[in-house]
C-alpha atoms as a PDB file:
ATOM      1  CA  MET A   1     115.822  93.583 115.303  1.00  0.00           C
ATOM      2  CA  SER A   2     116.606  97.583 115.538  1.00  0.00           C
ATOM      3  CA  LYS A   3     114.653  99.747 114.535  1.00  0.00           C
ATOM      4  CA  TYR A   4     114.997 100.853 110.641  1.00  0.00           C
ATOM      5  CA  GLN A   5     113.370 102.695 108.084  1.00  0.00           C
ATOM      6  CA  ASP A   6     113.812 104.553 104.928  1.00  0.00           C
ATOM      7  CA  VAL A   7     111.412 106.542 102.810  1.00  0.00           C
ATOM      8  CA  ILE A   8     111.277 108.745  99.355  1.00  0.00           C
ATOM      9  CA  ILE A   9     108.375 111.441  99.556  1.00  0.00           C
ATOM     10  CA  SER A  10     107.811 113.126  96.398  1.00  0.00           C
ATOM     11  CA  GLY A  11     105.749 115.551  94.874  1.00  0.00           C
ATOM     12  CA  PHE A  12     105.492 118.935  92.623  1.00  0.00           C
ATOM     13  CA  GLY A  13     107.251 121.860  94.302  1.00  0.00           C
ATOM     14  CA  GLY A  14     104.425 123.234  96.708  1.00  0.00           C
ATOM     15  CA  GLN A  15     103.205 120.075  97.699  1.00  0.00           C
ATOM     16  CA  GLY A  16     105.109 120.233 101.064  1.00  0.00           C
ATOM     17  CA  VAL A  17     107.470 117.460 100.337  1.00  0.00           C
ATOM     18  CA  MET A  18     109.962 118.944 102.365  1.00  0.00           C
ATOM     19  CA  LEU A  19     108.137 119.684 105.339  1.00  0.00           C
ATOM     20  CA  ILE A  20     106.822 116.379 105.459  1.00  0.00           C
ATOM     21  CA  GLY A  21     110.661 114.955 105.435  1.00  0.00           C
ATOM     22  CA  ASN A  22     111.825 117.395 107.850  1.00  0.00           C
ATOM     23  CA  LEU A  23     108.867 116.816 110.288  1.00  0.00           C
ATOM     24  CA  LEU A  24     109.560 113.124 110.136  1.00  0.00           C
ATOM     25  CA  ALA A  25     113.283 113.258 110.585  1.00  0.00           C
ATOM     26  CA  TYR A  26     112.730 116.068 114.008  1.00  0.00           C
ATOM     27  CA  ALA A  27     110.522 113.645 115.493  1.00  0.00           C
ATOM     28  CA  ALA A  28     112.550 110.868 114.813  1.00  0.00           C
ATOM     29  CA  MET A  29     115.362 112.462 116.594  1.00  0.00           C
ATOM     30  CA  GLU A  30     113.123 113.479 119.444  1.00  0.00           C
ATOM     31  CA  GLU A  31     112.264 110.126 119.790  1.00  0.00           C
ATOM     32  CA  ASN A  32     116.156 109.641 120.035  1.00  0.00           C
ATOM     33  CA  LEU A  33     116.945 107.908 116.835  1.00  0.00           C
ATOM     34  CA  ASN A  34     119.274 108.215 113.932  1.00  0.00           C
ATOM     35  CA  VAL A  35     118.519 110.071 111.451  1.00  0.00           C
ATOM     36  CA  THR A  36     119.650 111.402 108.090  1.00  0.00           C
ATOM     37  CA  TYR A  37     117.681 113.448 105.857  1.00  0.00           C
ATOM     38  CA  ILE A  38     117.952 115.167 102.033  1.00  0.00           C
ATOM     39  CA  PRO A  39     116.455 117.847  99.999  1.00  0.00           C
ATOM     40  CA  VAL A  40     116.349 117.530  96.180  1.00  0.00           C
ATOM     41  CA  TYR A  41     114.844 120.019  94.224  1.00  0.00           C
ATOM     42  CA  GLY A  42     113.820 120.313  90.501  1.00  0.00           C
ATOM     43  CA  PRO A  43     114.855 122.853  88.277  1.00  0.00           C
ATOM     44  CA  GLU A  44     111.590 125.021  89.567  1.00  0.00           C
ATOM     45  CA  MET A  45     110.803 124.760  93.109  1.00  0.00           C
ATOM     46  CA  ARG A  46     106.885 125.794  93.047  1.00  0.00           C
ATOM     47  CA  GLY A  47     104.942 123.296  90.160  1.00  0.00           C
ATOM     48  CA  GLY A  48     108.595 121.446  89.717  1.00  0.00           C
ATOM     49  CA  THR A  49     110.013 118.085  91.189  1.00  0.00           C
ATOM     50  CA  ALA A  50     110.905 117.838  94.694  1.00  0.00           C
ATOM     51  CA  ASN A  51     111.336 114.820  96.819  1.00  0.00           C
ATOM     52  CA  CYS A  52     113.664 113.786  99.912  1.00  0.00           C
ATOM     53  CA  THR A  53     115.029 110.802 101.849  1.00  0.00           C
ATOM     54  CA  VAL A  54     114.712 110.347 104.954  1.00  0.00           C
ATOM     55  CA  VAL A  55     116.400 107.169 106.925  1.00  0.00           C
ATOM     56  CA  ILE A  56     115.589 106.257 110.453  1.00  0.00           C
ATOM     57  CA  SER A  57     117.658 104.217 112.694  1.00  0.00           C
ATOM     58  CA  GLU A  58     118.798 103.085 116.342  1.00  0.00           C
ATOM     59  CA  GLU A  59     122.091 101.651 114.910  1.00  0.00           C
ATOM     60  CA  ASP A  60     124.619 104.036 113.070  1.00  0.00           C
ATOM     61  CA  ILE A  61     123.311 105.108 109.238  1.00  0.00           C
ATOM     62  CA  GLY A  62     126.143 103.839 106.972  1.00  0.00           C
ATOM     63  CA  SER A  63     124.575 106.223 104.039  1.00  0.00           C
ATOM     64  CA  PRO A  64     122.317 108.417 103.317  1.00  0.00           C
ATOM     65  CA  ILE A  65     121.512 107.475 100.029  1.00  0.00           C
ATOM     66  CA  ILE A  66     118.792 105.244  99.140  1.00  0.00           C
ATOM     67  CA  PHE A  67     118.742 104.065  95.404  1.00  0.00           C
ATOM     68  CA  ASN A  68     115.785 100.929  96.606  1.00  0.00           C
ATOM     69  CA  PRO A  69     113.500 102.580  99.415  1.00  0.00           C
ATOM     70  CA  ILE A  70     111.821 100.171 101.911  1.00  0.00           C
ATOM     71  CA  SER A  71     109.140 103.054 101.405  1.00  0.00           C
ATOM     72  CA  LEU A  72     107.876 105.601  98.985  1.00  0.00           C
ATOM     73  CA  ILE A  73     105.311 108.473 100.423  1.00  0.00           C
ATOM     74  CA  VAL A  74     104.162 109.673  95.964  1.00  0.00           C
ATOM     75  CA  MET A  75     101.833 112.907  95.611  1.00  0.00           C
ATOM     76  CA  ASN A  76     101.860 113.338  92.192  1.00  0.00           C
ATOM     77  CA  ARG A  77     101.666 110.380  89.043  1.00  0.00           C
ATOM     78  CA  PRO A  78     105.297 111.757  87.886  1.00  0.00           C
ATOM     79  CA  SER A  79     106.544 110.689  90.939  1.00  0.00           C
ATOM     80  CA  LEU A  80     104.999 107.152  91.091  1.00  0.00           C
ATOM     81  CA  ASP A  81     106.601 106.730  87.822  1.00  0.00           C
ATOM     82  CA  LYS A  82     109.879 107.471  88.877  1.00  0.00           C
ATOM     83  CA  PHE A  83     110.118 105.739  92.065  1.00  0.00           C
ATOM     84  CA  GLN A  84     107.511 102.712  92.276  1.00  0.00           C
ATOM     85  CA  PRO A  85     109.967 100.307  90.276  1.00  0.00           C
ATOM     86  CA  ARG A  86     112.998 101.573  92.790  1.00  0.00           C
ATOM     87  CA  LEU A  87     110.249 100.382  95.707  1.00  0.00           C
ATOM     88  CA  GLN A  88     111.643  97.198  97.776  1.00  0.00           C
ATOM     89  CA  ASP A  89     109.894  93.924  97.128  1.00  0.00           C
ATOM     90  CA  ASN A  90     106.325  94.244  99.937  1.00  0.00           C
ATOM     91  CA  GLY A  91     107.948  97.798 100.235  1.00  0.00           C
ATOM     92  CA  ILE A  92     105.154 100.571 101.492  1.00  0.00           C
ATOM     93  CA  LEU A  93     103.601 102.760  99.038  1.00  0.00           C
ATOM     94  CA  ILE A  94     101.148 105.672 100.579  1.00  0.00           C
ATOM     95  CA  LEU A  95      99.981 106.912  97.255  1.00  0.00           C
ATOM     96  CA  ASN A  96      97.769 110.396  96.950  1.00  0.00           C
ATOM     97  CA  SER A  97      94.560 108.606  95.703  1.00  0.00           C
ATOM     98  CA  SER A  98      93.206 112.209  95.156  1.00  0.00           C
ATOM     99  CA  LEU A  99      95.930 112.753  92.339  1.00  0.00           C
ATOM    100  CA  ILE A 100      97.211 109.464  91.069  1.00  0.00           C
ATOM    101  CA  GLU A 101      94.536 106.435  89.576  1.00  0.00           C
ATOM    102  CA  THR A 102      94.919 103.194  92.300  1.00  0.00           C
ATOM    103  CA  GLU A 103      94.870 101.400  89.591  1.00  0.00           C
ATOM    104  CA  LEU A 104      98.702 101.969  88.849  1.00  0.00           C
ATOM    105  CA  ALA A 105      99.788 100.952  92.257  1.00  0.00           C
ATOM    106  CA  ASP A 106     101.581  97.517  91.887  1.00  0.00           C
ATOM    107  CA  LYS A 107      99.544  95.641  94.572  1.00  0.00           C
ATOM    108  CA  ASP A 108     100.972  92.473  93.855  1.00  0.00           C
ATOM    109  CA  ARG A 109     104.337  93.312  94.717  1.00  0.00           C
ATOM    110  CA  LEU A 110     104.151  95.922  97.219  1.00  0.00           C
ATOM    111  CA  LYS A 111     101.744  97.334 100.431  1.00  0.00           C
ATOM    112  CA  ALA A 112      99.882 100.057  98.646  1.00  0.00           C
ATOM    113  CA  TYR A 113      97.859 102.481 100.597  1.00  0.00           C
ATOM    114  CA  ALA A 114      95.531 104.726  98.774  1.00  0.00           C
ATOM    115  CA  VAL A 115      95.035 107.872 100.403  1.00  0.00           C
ATOM    116  CA  PRO A 116      92.981 110.733  99.167  1.00  0.00           C
ATOM    117  CA  ALA A 117      94.698 113.135 100.893  1.00  0.00           C
ATOM    118  CA  ASN A 118      93.708 115.796  99.054  1.00  0.00           C
ATOM    119  CA  GLU A 119      90.045 115.397  99.857  1.00  0.00           C
ATOM    120  CA  ILE A 120      90.984 114.846 103.669  1.00  0.00           C
ATOM    121  CA  ALA A 121      92.477 117.685 103.750  1.00  0.00           C
ATOM    122  CA  ASP A 122      90.034 119.787 102.190  1.00  0.00           C
ATOM    123  CA  LYS A 123      87.300 118.575 104.595  1.00  0.00           C
ATOM    124  CA  LEU A 124      89.671 119.457 107.300  1.00  0.00           C
ATOM    125  CA  GLY A 125      89.601 123.056 106.146  1.00  0.00           C
ATOM    126  CA  ASN A 126      92.756 123.613 103.719  1.00  0.00           C
ATOM    127  CA  ILE A 127      94.084 121.484 101.388  1.00  0.00           C
ATOM    128  CA  LYS A 128      97.117 122.664 101.627  1.00  0.00           C
ATOM    129  CA  MET A 129      97.979 120.080 104.567  1.00  0.00           C
ATOM    130  CA  ALA A 130      97.075 116.800 101.979  1.00  0.00           C
ATOM    131  CA  ASN A 131     101.082 116.195 102.895  1.00  0.00           C
ATOM    132  CA  MET A 132      99.921 115.544 106.741  1.00  0.00           C
ATOM    133  CA  VAL A 133      97.369 113.462 105.900  1.00  0.00           C
ATOM    134  CA  ALA A 134      99.583 111.385 103.501  1.00  0.00           C
ATOM    135  CA  LEU A 135     102.572 111.513 106.675  1.00  0.00           C
ATOM    136  CA  GLY A 136     100.139 110.149 109.333  1.00  0.00           C
ATOM    137  CA  ALA A 137      98.792 107.500 106.786  1.00  0.00           C
ATOM    138  CA  TYR A 138     103.014 106.769 106.754  1.00  0.00           C
ATOM    139  CA  ILE A 139     102.905 106.951 110.206  1.00  0.00           C
ATOM    140  CA  GLN A 140     100.214 104.490 110.900  1.00  0.00           C
ATOM    141  CA  ALA A 141     101.465 101.820 108.047  1.00  0.00           C
ATOM    142  CA  THR A 142     105.141 102.219 109.002  1.00  0.00           C
ATOM    143  CA  GLN A 143     104.686 102.263 112.883  1.00  0.00           C
ATOM    144  CA  ILE A 144     108.265 103.677 112.730  1.00  0.00           C
ATOM    145  CA  LEU A 145     107.294 106.244 115.336  1.00  0.00           C
ATOM    146  CA  PRO A 146     104.487 107.164 117.431  1.00  0.00           C
ATOM    147  CA  LEU A 147     101.833 109.110 116.199  1.00  0.00           C
ATOM    148  CA  SER A 148     102.085 111.879 118.732  1.00  0.00           C
ATOM    149  CA  ALA A 149     106.177 112.099 118.178  1.00  0.00           C
ATOM    150  CA  VAL A 150     105.373 113.547 115.059  1.00  0.00           C
ATOM    151  CA  GLN A 151     103.095 115.647 115.850  1.00  0.00           C
ATOM    152  CA  ASN A 152     104.801 117.488 118.778  1.00  0.00           C
ATOM    153  CA  ALA A 153     107.759 117.763 116.611  1.00  0.00           C
ATOM    154  CA  LEU A 154     105.588 120.256 114.660  1.00  0.00           C
ATOM    155  CA  GLU A 155     106.576 123.018 116.467  1.00  0.00           C
ATOM    156  CA  ASN A 156     110.298 122.287 115.032  1.00  0.00           C
ATOM    157  CA  VAL A 157     108.703 122.607 111.271  1.00  0.00           C
ATOM    158  CA  ILE A 158     106.423 125.088 111.350  1.00  0.00           C
ATOM    159  CA  SER A 159     107.573 128.397 111.871  1.00  0.00           C
ATOM    160  CA  SER A 160     106.038 130.490 114.886  1.00  0.00           C
ATOM    161  CA  HIS A 161     104.823 133.221 112.355  1.00  0.00           C
ATOM    162  CA  TYR A 162     102.150 130.086 111.509  1.00  0.00           C
ATOM    163  CA  ALA A 163     101.656 128.216 114.973  1.00  0.00           C
ATOM    164  CA  HIS A 164      98.283 128.761 114.665  1.00  0.00           C
ATOM    165  CA  LEU A 165      98.378 126.308 111.980  1.00  0.00           C
ATOM    166  CA  ILE A 166      99.693 123.370 114.395  1.00  0.00           C
ATOM    167  CA  PRO A 167      96.418 122.230 115.761  1.00  0.00           C
ATOM    168  CA  HIS A 168      95.210 121.869 112.162  1.00  0.00           C
ATOM    169  CA  ASN A 169      98.190 120.359 110.927  1.00  0.00           C
ATOM    170  CA  ALA A 170      98.384 117.413 114.075  1.00  0.00           C
ATOM    171  CA  LYS A 171      94.562 116.560 113.251  1.00  0.00           C
ATOM    172  CA  ALA A 172      95.542 116.118 109.733  1.00  0.00           C
ATOM    173  CA  LEU A 173      98.382 114.009 110.559  1.00  0.00           C
ATOM    174  CA  GLU A 174      95.582 112.255 112.636  1.00  0.00           C
ATOM    175  CA  ALA A 175      93.000 111.746 109.827  1.00  0.00           C
ATOM    176  CA  GLY A 176      95.761 110.051 107.477  1.00  0.00           C
ATOM    177  CA  ALA A 177      96.942 107.689 109.880  1.00  0.00           C
ATOM    178  CA  LYS A 178      92.665 107.332 110.786  1.00  0.00           C
ATOM    179  CA  HIS A 179      92.063 106.536 106.710  1.00  0.00           C
ATOM    180  CA  VAL A 180      94.830 103.626 107.122  1.00  0.00           C
ATOM    181  CA  GLN A 181      93.773 102.333 109.976  1.00  0.00           C
ATOM    182  CA  GLU A 182      90.518 102.057 108.802  1.00  0.00           C
ATOM    183  CA  ASN A 183      91.282 100.905 105.258  1.00  0.00           C
ATOM    184  CA  GLY A 184      93.905  99.131 104.954  1.00  0.00           C
ATOM    185  CA  ASN A 185      96.216  98.160 102.167  1.00  0.00           C
ATOM    186  CA  LEU A 186      94.694  98.024  98.405  1.00  0.00           C
END
């Protein structure tokens, strides 16, 4: 069976959902996979809603539009309310349990992973890395790419002005993956 994964990543503007979508796409390209990436912005950037769709496949991708995703990363409650019903049965849900009550996850229908992304990022020294924690959790849960491929792709999406943050983001990715590995799903 060929490798295929699609994901909707959603949260408030300013939570870095576009950045991790872009990072995932770059990492998949570096692994010689076919990729589509579509950003969707709400009416406001920071504080409004934002989401993106990433499709990764060994085969040609017929359409970048995904109505019923296989997986979902949600960083806030409005994103969970909007996208969880569309997630395929047995789909993978990465839920930022720092901002979303875990009992809202449809544990009977989905493989839901509660990741306290904000707290993990805060312990690493910067709460703004919660997005990287969530992406690391997604990589561990799906196994679509090696974590090292995502870490290596950081230099493609973080501007040279912020290059000093790349090692910190790599650690945040690792922390998210470790959380899923140690705690499993709900």
